[in-house]
Amino acid sequence: MDVNANLVRELRDKTGAGVMDCKKALAEAKGDLEAAAVWLREKGIAAAAKRAGRVASEGAVGSYIHAGGKLGVLLEVNCESDFVAKTPEFQTLVKELAMQIAASNPRSVRREELSAEVIEQERQIYASQAAGAGKPEAVINKIVDGKLEKFYAESCLYEQAWVRDPNRTIKDLVGEYVGKLGEKIEVRRFVRFQLGENLEARAA
């Protein structure tokens, strides 16, 4: 459904959530402002938005080893207090995130962390594909933008579909734990190692 811009603005002021989250909430609630606010709270998004400005300097470094020692992940997940960092819930989230990275191999945590060169390269590829398929010039940009959104959804950890529940993104998952634990939580960085990766490129 089309969402009224004034309702989106009002919901943002009420919850502190982002524009896209507010639009999604209003669509889910069929335009009902109060129901949309409840939906955001249930997902932990409103809580996450209110805590976005806080400093998350505690947390944990987690790890996951898979496939008989042939694939491993290290990541840092931050929260606001050492107390929360030691809770079973927080440790469960860290493990889930490490397993997600192992399974889905994201390039970055957020889309803003992708280099301009990578994005421009993807744009050029998609534009060439669309032109080669005979698409009109007027619609090529729309096609490119659509393919870029798909690229972000595959390449950025927060935008990936959670492997355990493809109807939820990793951002949704983190937001839910923010709601449960009452603190700002964010993935700071990660590294993924796969045995033998890039060896052929080095040999060449």
Foldseek 3Di string as FASTA:
>chain_A
DDADPVLLVVLCVVQVADSVLSRVLCVVVVNDSVSSNVVCLQLLRSLQRVQVPPDFPDADWDKDADDVRQKMKIFTKTKRDPVLNPDPLRVVLNVQLRVQCRVQVAQEQAPVPDDPVVLVVLLVVQLVVCVVVVHDPVCSVVSSVVVVLVVRCRHHQQNDQRPVGSVDGSVSVLSNVCSVSVIHMDIDDMDMGGPPPCPVVVVD
